[in-house]
Amino acid sequence: NENPQLVILRIGDCTLRGSNKDAVEKTIATIEAL
């Protein structure tokens, strides 16, 4: 809804920890699907 031109996603911070690979892959796939 905010319609950004670009999302910069840093994996490994508290916001999206890199240890949960399924969550990381889902987040990437969902943003790209948008």
PDB file of all heavy atoms in Angstrom:
ATOM      1  N   ASN A   1       0.806  -1.217   0.000  1.00  0.00           N
ATOM      2  CA  ASN A   1       0.000   0.000   0.000  1.00  0.00           C
ATOM      3  C   ASN A   1       0.844   1.275   0.000  1.00  0.00           C
ATOM      4  O   ASN A   1       0.402   2.323  -0.490  1.00  0.00           O
ATOM      5  CB  ASN A   1      -0.950   0.018   1.198  1.00  0.00           C
ATOM      6  CG  ASN A   1      -2.076  -0.991   1.068  1.00  0.00           C
ATOM      7  OD1 ASN A   1      -2.379  -1.456  -0.037  1.00  0.00           O
ATOM      8  ND2 ASN A   1      -2.682  -1.369   2.182  1.00  0.00           N
ATOM      9  N   GLU A   2       2.043   1.186   0.547  1.00  0.00           N
ATOM     10  CA  GLU A   2       2.919   2.365   0.595  1.00  0.00           C
ATOM     11  C   GLU A   2       3.653   2.580  -0.724  1.00  0.00           C
ATOM     12  O   GLU A   2       4.280   3.622  -0.927  1.00  0.00           O
ATOM     13  CB  GLU A   2       3.925   2.223   1.741  1.00  0.00           C
ATOM     14  CG  GLU A   2       3.304   2.277   3.124  1.00  0.00           C
ATOM     15  CD  GLU A   2       2.673   3.621   3.443  1.00  0.00           C
ATOM     16  OE1 GLU A   2       3.155   4.648   2.920  1.00  0.00           O
ATOM     17  OE2 GLU A   2       1.681   3.638   4.196  1.00  0.00           O
ATOM     18  N   ASN A   3       3.619   1.576  -1.598  1.00  0.00           N
ATOM     19  CA  ASN A   3       4.149   1.694  -2.954  1.00  0.00           C
ATOM     20  C   ASN A   3       5.594   2.205  -3.028  1.00  0.00           C
ATOM     21  O   ASN A   3       5.887   3.183  -3.732  1.00  0.00           O
ATOM     22  CB  ASN A   3       3.232   2.606  -3.781  1.00  0.00           C
ATOM     23  CG  ASN A   3       3.512   2.496  -5.269  1.00  0.00           C
ATOM     24  OD1 ASN A   3       3.907   1.431  -5.756  1.00  0.00           O
ATOM     25  ND2 ASN A   3       3.311   3.592  -6.002  1.00  0.00           N
ATOM     26  N   PRO A   4       6.524   1.554  -2.353  1.00  0.00           N
ATOM     27  CA  PRO A   4       7.925   1.978  -2.465  1.00  0.00           C
ATOM     28  C   PRO A   4       8.501   1.603  -3.835  1.00  0.00           C
ATOM     29  O   PRO A   4       8.052   0.655  -4.471  1.00  0.00           O
ATOM     30  CB  PRO A   4       8.617   1.205  -1.350  1.00  0.00           C
ATOM     31  CG  PRO A   4       7.796  -0.034  -1.199  1.00  0.00           C
ATOM     32  CD  PRO A   4       6.374   0.391  -1.464  1.00  0.00           C
ATOM     33  N   GLN A   5       9.503   2.347  -4.263  1.00  0.00           N
ATOM     34  CA  GLN A   5      10.185   2.004  -5.519  1.00  0.00           C
ATOM     35  C   GLN A   5      11.181   0.869  -5.316  1.00  0.00           C
ATOM     36  O   GLN A   5      11.539   0.180  -6.275  1.00  0.00           O
ATOM     37  CB  GLN A   5      10.940   3.223  -6.050  1.00  0.00           C
ATOM     38  CG  GLN A   5      10.064   4.362  -6.530  1.00  0.00           C
ATOM     39  CD  GLN A   5      10.901   5.588  -6.825  1.00  0.00           C
ATOM     40  OE1 GLN A   5      11.167   6.387  -5.940  1.00  0.00           O
ATOM     41  NE2 GLN A   5      11.324   5.733  -8.067  1.00  0.00           N
ATOM     42  N   LEU A   6      11.630   0.707  -4.070  1.00  0.00           N
ATOM     43  CA  LEU A   6      12.633  -0.307  -3.764  1.00  0.00           C
ATOM     44  C   LEU A   6      12.516  -0.701  -2.312  1.00  0.00           C
ATOM     45  O   LEU A   6      12.316   0.151  -1.436  1.00  0.00           O
ATOM     46  CB  LEU A   6      14.043   0.244  -4.033  1.00  0.00           C
ATOM     47  CG  LEU A   6      15.221  -0.673  -3.660  1.00  0.00           C
ATOM     48  CD1 LEU A   6      15.272  -1.885  -4.590  1.00  0.00           C
ATOM     49  CD2 LEU A   6      16.537   0.093  -3.694  1.00  0.00           C
ATOM     50  N   VAL A   7      12.639  -2.006  -2.050  1.00  0.00           N
ATOM     51  CA  VAL A   7      12.769  -2.512  -0.680  1.00  0.00           C
ATOM     52  C   VAL A   7      14.212  -2.982  -0.500  1.00  0.00           C
ATOM     53  O   VAL A   7      14.716  -3.760  -1.311  1.00  0.00           O
ATOM     54  CB  VAL A   7      11.802  -3.683  -0.408  1.00  0.00           C
ATOM     55  CG1 VAL A   7      12.071  -4.277   0.982  1.00  0.00           C
ATOM     56  CG2 VAL A   7      10.355  -3.232  -0.521  1.00  0.00           C
ATOM     57  N   ILE A   8      14.857  -2.499   0.556  1.00  0.00           N
ATOM     58  CA  ILE A   8      16.187  -2.996   0.919  1.00  0.00           C
ATOM     59  C   ILE A   8      16.016  -3.870   2.157  1.00  0.00           C
ATOM     60  O   ILE A   8      15.609  -3.385   3.217  1.00  0.00           O
ATOM     61  CB  ILE A   8      17.169  -1.842   1.197  1.00  0.00           C
ATOM     62  CG1 ILE A   8      17.290  -0.934  -0.025  1.00  0.00           C
ATOM     63  CG2 ILE A   8      18.542  -2.407   1.574  1.00  0.00           C
ATOM     64  CD1 ILE A   8      18.155   0.299   0.205  1.00  0.00           C
ATOM     65  N   LEU A   9      16.287  -5.151   2.002  1.00  0.00           N
ATOM     66  CA  LEU A   9      16.081  -6.133   3.062  1.00  0.00           C
ATOM     67  C   LEU A   9      17.427  -6.643   3.552  1.00  0.00           C
ATOM     68  O   LEU A   9      18.219  -7.173   2.772  1.00  0.00           O
ATOM     69  CB  LEU A   9      15.244  -7.299   2.528  1.00  0.00           C
ATOM     70  CG  LEU A   9      15.072  -8.521   3.441  1.00  0.00           C
ATOM     71  CD1 LEU A   9      14.272  -8.147   4.688  1.00  0.00           C
ATOM     72  CD2 LEU A   9      14.379  -9.655   2.681  1.00  0.00           C
ATOM     73  N   ARG A  10      17.684  -6.460   4.841  1.00  0.00           N
ATOM     74  CA  ARG A  10      18.923  -6.969   5.437  1.00  0.00           C
ATOM     75  C   ARG A  10      18.604  -8.218   6.256  1.00  0.00           C
ATOM     76  O   ARG A  10      17.893  -8.158   7.261  1.00  0.00           O
ATOM     77  CB  ARG A  10      19.590  -5.920   6.317  1.00  0.00           C
ATOM     78  CG  ARG A  10      21.019  -6.310   6.710  1.00  0.00           C
ATOM     79  CD  ARG A  10      21.640  -5.283   7.606  1.00  0.00           C
ATOM     80  NE  ARG A  10      23.098  -5.445   7.653  1.00  0.00           N
ATOM     81  CZ  ARG A  10      23.833  -5.307   8.740  1.00  0.00           C
ATOM     82  NH1 ARG A  10      23.264  -5.014   9.901  1.00  0.00           N
ATOM     83  NH2 ARG A  10      25.140  -5.460   8.693  1.00  0.00           N
ATOM     84  N   ILE A  11      19.148  -9.332   5.840  1.00  0.00           N
ATOM     85  CA  ILE A  11      18.909 -10.600   6.522  1.00  0.00           C
ATOM     86  C   ILE A  11      19.996 -10.815   7.571  1.00  0.00           C
ATOM     87  O   ILE A  11      21.187 -10.686   7.280  1.00  0.00           O
ATOM     88  CB  ILE A  11      18.890 -11.756   5.512  1.00  0.00           C
ATOM     89  CG1 ILE A  11      17.717 -11.572   4.553  1.00  0.00           C
ATOM     90  CG2 ILE A  11      18.802 -13.103   6.221  1.00  0.00           C
ATOM     91  CD1 ILE A  11      17.735 -12.504   3.366  1.00  0.00           C
ATOM     92  N   GLY A  12      19.568 -11.134   8.778  1.00  0.00           N
ATOM     93  CA  GLY A  12      20.518 -11.369   9.864  1.00  0.00           C
ATOM     94  C   GLY A  12      20.383 -10.396  11.006  1.00  0.00           C
ATOM     95  O   GLY A  12      20.979 -10.571  12.059  1.00  0.00           O
ATOM     96  N   ASP A  13      19.580  -9.328  10.835  1.00  0.00           N
ATOM     97  CA  ASP A  13      19.256  -8.434  11.932  1.00  0.00           C
ATOM     98  C   ASP A  13      18.135  -9.052  12.765  1.00  0.00           C
ATOM     99  O   ASP A  13      17.553 -10.071  12.393  1.00  0.00           O
ATOM    100  CB  ASP A  13      18.814  -7.068  11.395  1.00  0.00           C
ATOM    101  CG  ASP A  13      19.997  -6.167  11.050  1.00  0.00           C
ATOM    102  OD1 ASP A  13      21.145  -6.605  11.236  1.00  0.00           O
ATOM    103  OD2 ASP A  13      19.767  -5.039  10.601  1.00  0.00           O
ATOM    104  N   CYS A  14      17.803  -8.392  13.881  1.00  0.00           N
ATOM    105  CA  CYS A  14      16.718  -8.902  14.719  1.00  0.00           C
ATOM    106  C   CYS A  14      15.396  -8.949  13.959  1.00  0.00           C
ATOM    107  O   CYS A  14      14.563  -9.811  14.202  1.00  0.00           O
ATOM    108  CB  CYS A  14      16.557  -8.024  15.957  1.00  0.00           C
ATOM    109  SG  CYS A  14      17.958  -8.083  17.094  1.00  0.00           S
ATOM    110  N   THR A  15      15.217  -8.005  13.039  1.00  0.00           N
ATOM    111  CA  THR A  15      13.968  -7.925  12.300  1.00  0.00           C
ATOM    112  C   THR A  15      13.733  -9.161  11.439  1.00  0.00           C
ATOM    113  O   THR A  15      12.606  -9.644  11.314  1.00  0.00           O
ATOM    114  CB  THR A  15      13.960  -6.654  11.433  1.00  0.00           C
ATOM    115  OG1 THR A  15      14.068  -5.519  12.304  1.00  0.00           O
ATOM    116  CG2 THR A  15      12.695  -6.553  10.622  1.00  0.00           C
ATOM    117  N   LEU A  16      14.768  -9.682  10.826  1.00  0.00           N
ATOM    118  CA  LEU A  16      14.648 -10.915  10.044  1.00  0.00           C
ATOM    119  C   LEU A  16      15.943 -11.714  10.215  1.00  0.00           C
ATOM    120  O   LEU A  16      16.924 -11.490   9.512  1.00  0.00           O
ATOM    121  CB  LEU A  16      14.396 -10.628   8.569  1.00  0.00           C
ATOM    122  CG  LEU A  16      14.121 -11.869   7.704  1.00  0.00           C
ATOM    123  CD1 LEU A  16      12.849 -12.578   8.177  1.00  0.00           C
ATOM    124  CD2 LEU A  16      14.001 -11.502   6.245  1.00  0.00           C
ATOM    125  N   ARG A  17      15.937 -12.601  11.179  1.00  0.00           N
ATOM    126  CA  ARG A  17      17.129 -13.392  11.470  1.00  0.00           C
ATOM    127  C   ARG A  17      17.382 -14.392  10.342  1.00  0.00           C
ATOM    128  O   ARG A  17      16.462 -14.942   9.767  1.00  0.00           O
ATOM    129  CB  ARG A  17      16.974 -14.119  12.797  1.00  0.00           C
ATOM    130  CG  ARG A  17      16.739 -13.177  13.972  1.00  0.00           C
ATOM    131  CD  ARG A  17      16.477 -13.958  15.246  1.00  0.00           C
ATOM    132  NE  ARG A  17      16.022 -13.089  16.325  1.00  0.00           N
ATOM    133  CZ  ARG A  17      16.820 -12.489  17.193  1.00  0.00           C
ATOM    134  NH1 ARG A  17      18.127 -12.661  17.101  1.00  0.00           N
ATOM    135  NH2 ARG A  17      16.338 -11.721  18.155  1.00  0.00           N
ATOM    136  N   GLY A  18      18.641 -14.627  10.066  1.00  0.00           N
ATOM    137  CA  GLY A  18      18.979 -15.529   8.977  1.00  0.00           C
ATOM    138  C   GLY A  18      18.877 -16.991   9.325  1.00  0.00           C
ATOM    139  O   GLY A  18      18.945 -17.857   8.442  1.00  0.00           O
ATOM    140  N   SER A  19      18.690 -17.315  10.616  1.00  0.00           N
ATOM    141  CA  SER A  19      18.685 -18.717  11.035  1.00  0.00           C
ATOM    142  C   SER A  19      17.442 -19.469  10.564  1.00  0.00           C
ATOM    143  O   SER A  19      17.476 -20.683  10.370  1.00  0.00           O
ATOM    144  CB  SER A  19      18.794 -18.804  12.563  1.00  0.00           C
ATOM    145  OG  SER A  19      17.765 -18.039  13.181  1.00  0.00           O
ATOM    146  N   ASN A  20      16.335 -18.760  10.383  1.00  0.00           N
ATOM    147  CA  ASN A  20      15.092 -19.390   9.926  1.00  0.00           C
ATOM    148  C   ASN A  20      15.013 -19.251   8.405  1.00  0.00           C
ATOM    149  O   ASN A  20      14.453 -18.287   7.873  1.00  0.00           O
ATOM    150  CB  ASN A  20      13.885 -18.741  10.601  1.00  0.00           C
ATOM    151  CG  ASN A  20      12.592 -19.493  10.325  1.00  0.00           C
ATOM    152  OD1 ASN A  20      12.463 -20.208   9.335  1.00  0.00           O
ATOM    153  ND2 ASN A  20      11.614 -19.326  11.207  1.00  0.00           N
ATOM    154  N   LYS A  21      15.566 -20.218   7.688  1.00  0.00           N
ATOM    155  CA  LYS A  21      15.649 -20.135   6.226  1.00  0.00           C
ATOM    156  C   LYS A  21      14.282 -20.111   5.569  1.00  0.00           C
ATOM    157  O   LYS A  21      14.080 -19.427   4.557  1.00  0.00           O
ATOM    158  CB  LYS A  21      16.492 -21.288   5.690  1.00  0.00           C
ATOM    159  CG  LYS A  21      17.968 -21.205   6.082  1.00  0.00           C
ATOM    160  CD  LYS A  21      18.772 -22.324   5.469  1.00  0.00           C
ATOM    161  CE  LYS A  21      20.246 -22.219   5.855  1.00  0.00           C
ATOM    162  NZ  LYS A  21      21.058 -23.317   5.272  1.00  0.00           N
ATOM    163  N   ASP A  22      13.333 -20.852   6.121  1.00  0.00           N
ATOM    164  CA  ASP A  22      11.985 -20.866   5.545  1.00  0.00           C
ATOM    165  C   ASP A  22      11.352 -19.476   5.603  1.00  0.00           C
ATOM    166  O   ASP A  22      10.726 -19.020   4.636  1.00  0.00           O
ATOM    167  CB  ASP A  22      11.097 -21.875   6.285  1.00  0.00           C
ATOM    168  CG  ASP A  22      11.497 -23.320   6.002  1.00  0.00           C
ATOM    169  OD1 ASP A  22      12.182 -23.549   4.979  1.00  0.00           O
ATOM    170  OD2 ASP A  22      11.135 -24.209   6.795  1.00  0.00           O
ATOM    171  N   ALA A  23      11.507 -18.806   6.754  1.00  0.00           N
ATOM    172  CA  ALA A  23      10.946 -17.460   6.917  1.00  0.00           C
ATOM    173  C   ALA A  23      11.614 -16.481   5.965  1.00  0.00           C
ATOM    174  O   ALA A  23      10.953 -15.609   5.379  1.00  0.00           O
ATOM    175  CB  ALA A  23      11.101 -16.992   8.358  1.00  0.00           C
ATOM    176  N   VAL A  24      12.930 -16.624   5.794  1.00  0.00           N
ATOM    177  CA  VAL A  24      13.669 -15.742   4.888  1.00  0.00           C
ATOM    178  C   VAL A  24      13.182 -15.932   3.450  1.00  0.00           C
ATOM    179  O   VAL A  24      12.886 -14.958   2.741  1.00  0.00           O
ATOM    180  CB  VAL A  24      15.184 -16.014   4.980  1.00  0.00           C
ATOM    181  CG1 VAL A  24      15.929 -15.316   3.844  1.00  0.00           C
ATOM    182  CG2 VAL A  24      15.731 -15.555   6.324  1.00  0.00           C
ATOM    183  N   GLU A  25      13.098 -17.187   3.013  1.00  0.00           N
ATOM    184  CA  GLU A  25      12.671 -17.475   1.641  1.00  0.00           C
ATOM    185  C   GLU A  25      11.240 -17.006   1.397  1.00  0.00           C
ATOM    186  O   GLU A  25      10.924 -16.474   0.328  1.00  0.00           O
ATOM    187  CB  GLU A  25      12.803 -18.968   1.362  1.00  0.00           C
ATOM    188  CG  GLU A  25      14.259 -19.438   1.282  1.00  0.00           C
ATOM    189  CD  GLU A  25      14.385 -20.942   1.138  1.00  0.00           C
ATOM    190  OE1 GLU A  25      13.329 -21.615   1.069  1.00  0.00           O
ATOM    191  OE2 GLU A  25      15.523 -21.443   1.121  1.00  0.00           O
ATOM    192  N   LYS A  26      10.370 -17.179   2.392  1.00  0.00           N
ATOM    193  CA  LYS A  26       8.984 -16.739   2.253  1.00  0.00           C
ATOM    194  C   LYS A  26       8.913 -15.220   2.140  1.00  0.00           C
ATOM    195  O   LYS A  26       8.142 -14.679   1.325  1.00  0.00           O
ATOM    196  CB  LYS A  26       8.153 -17.215   3.448  1.00  0.00           C
ATOM    197  CG  LYS A  26       6.693 -16.793   3.371  1.00  0.00           C
ATOM    198  CD  LYS A  26       5.901 -17.279   4.580  1.00  0.00           C
ATOM    199  CE  LYS A  26       4.460 -16.796   4.505  1.00  0.00           C
ATOM    200  NZ  LYS A  26       3.669 -17.217   5.688  1.00  0.00           N
ATOM    201  N   THR A  27       9.701 -14.523   2.951  1.00  0.00           N
ATOM    202  CA  THR A  27       9.701 -13.058   2.920  1.00  0.00           C
ATOM    203  C   THR A  27      10.161 -12.549   1.563  1.00  0.00           C
ATOM    204  O   THR A  27       9.532 -11.663   0.960  1.00  0.00           O
ATOM    205  CB  THR A  27      10.607 -12.497   4.029  1.00  0.00           C
ATOM    206  OG1 THR A  27      10.102 -12.917   5.308  1.00  0.00           O
ATOM    207  CG2 THR A  27      10.652 -10.975   3.990  1.00  0.00           C
ATOM    208  N   ILE A  28      11.254 -13.122   1.056  1.00  0.00           N
ATOM    209  CA  ILE A  28      11.780 -12.707  -0.252  1.00  0.00           C
ATOM    210  C   ILE A  28      10.760 -12.981  -1.354  1.00  0.00           C
ATOM    211  O   ILE A  28      10.469 -12.114  -2.191  1.00  0.00           O
ATOM    212  CB  ILE A  28      13.107 -13.418  -0.549  1.00  0.00           C
ATOM    213  CG1 ILE A  28      14.200 -12.900   0.386  1.00  0.00           C
ATOM    214  CG2 ILE A  28      13.518 -13.220  -2.011  1.00  0.00           C
ATOM    215  CD1 ILE A  28      15.517 -13.660   0.276  1.00  0.00           C
ATOM    216  N   ALA A  29      10.197 -14.186  -1.347  1.00  0.00           N
ATOM    217  CA  ALA A  29       9.248 -14.575  -2.397  1.00  0.00           C
ATOM    218  C   ALA A  29       8.000 -13.705  -2.376  1.00  0.00           C
ATOM    219  O   ALA A  29       7.479 -13.310  -3.435  1.00  0.00           O
ATOM    220  CB  ALA A  29       8.874 -16.048  -2.229  1.00  0.00           C
ATOM    221  N   THR A  30       7.512 -13.372  -1.176  1.00  0.00           N
ATOM    222  CA  THR A  30       6.282 -12.576  -1.075  1.00  0.00           C
ATOM    223  C   THR A  30       6.501 -11.149  -1.563  1.00  0.00           C
ATOM    224  O   THR A  30       5.662 -10.592  -2.280  1.00  0.00           O
ATOM    225  CB  THR A  30       5.766 -12.568   0.380  1.00  0.00           C
ATOM    226  OG1 THR A  30       5.614 -13.913   0.837  1.00  0.00           O
ATOM    227  CG2 THR A  30       4.428 -11.850   0.471  1.00  0.00           C
ATOM    228  N   ILE A  31       7.629 -10.555  -1.189  1.00  0.00           N
ATOM    229  CA  ILE A  31       7.912  -9.188  -1.642  1.00  0.00           C
ATOM    230  C   ILE A  31       8.057  -9.154  -3.162  1.00  0.00           C
ATOM    231  O   ILE A  31       7.514  -8.267  -3.842  1.00  0.00           O
ATOM    232  CB  ILE A  31       9.179  -8.636  -0.954  1.00  0.00           C
ATOM    233  CG1 ILE A  31       8.933  -8.462   0.553  1.00  0.00           C
ATOM    234  CG2 ILE A  31       9.591  -7.293  -1.574  1.00  0.00           C
ATOM    235  CD1 ILE A  31      10.165  -8.075   1.343  1.00  0.00           C
ATOM    236  N   GLU A  32       8.761 -10.131  -3.711  1.00  0.00           N
ATOM    237  CA  GLU A  32       8.937 -10.165  -5.165  1.00  0.00           C
ATOM    238  C   GLU A  32       7.614 -10.415  -5.876  1.00  0.00           C
ATOM    239  O   GLU A  32       7.376  -9.881  -6.978  1.00  0.00           O
ATOM    240  CB  GLU A  32       9.981 -11.205  -5.541  1.00  0.00           C
ATOM    241  CG  GLU A  32      11.388 -10.797  -5.108  1.00  0.00           C
ATOM    242  CD  GLU A  32      12.465 -11.763  -5.556  1.00  0.00           C
ATOM    243  OE1 GLU A  32      12.161 -12.984  -5.674  1.00  0.00           O
ATOM    244  OE2 GLU A  32      13.601 -11.312  -5.775  1.00  0.00           O
ATOM    245  N   ALA A  33       6.734 -11.187  -5.257  1.00  0.00           N
ATOM    246  CA  ALA A  33       5.425 -11.446  -5.853  1.00  0.00           C
ATOM    247  C   ALA A  33       4.569 -10.184  -5.903  1.00  0.00           C
ATOM    248  O   ALA A  33       3.653 -10.083  -6.738  1.00  0.00           O
ATOM    249  CB  ALA A  33       4.697 -12.534  -5.063  1.00  0.00           C
ATOM    250  N   LEU A  34       4.859  -9.226  -5.032  1.00  0.00           N
ATOM    251  CA  LEU A  34       4.138  -7.956  -5.045  1.00  0.00           C
ATOM    252  C   LEU A  34       4.577  -7.059  -6.199  1.00  0.00           C
ATOM    253  O   LEU A  34       3.960  -6.022  -6.456  1.00  0.00           O
ATOM    254  CB  LEU A  34       4.355  -7.217  -3.712  1.00  0.00           C
ATOM    255  CG  LEU A  34       3.770  -7.864  -2.458  1.00  0.00           C
ATOM    256  CD1 LEU A  34       4.228  -7.115  -1.210  1.00  0.00           C
ATOM    257  CD2 LEU A  34       2.248  -7.909  -2.516  1.00  0.00           C
TER     258      LEU A  34
END
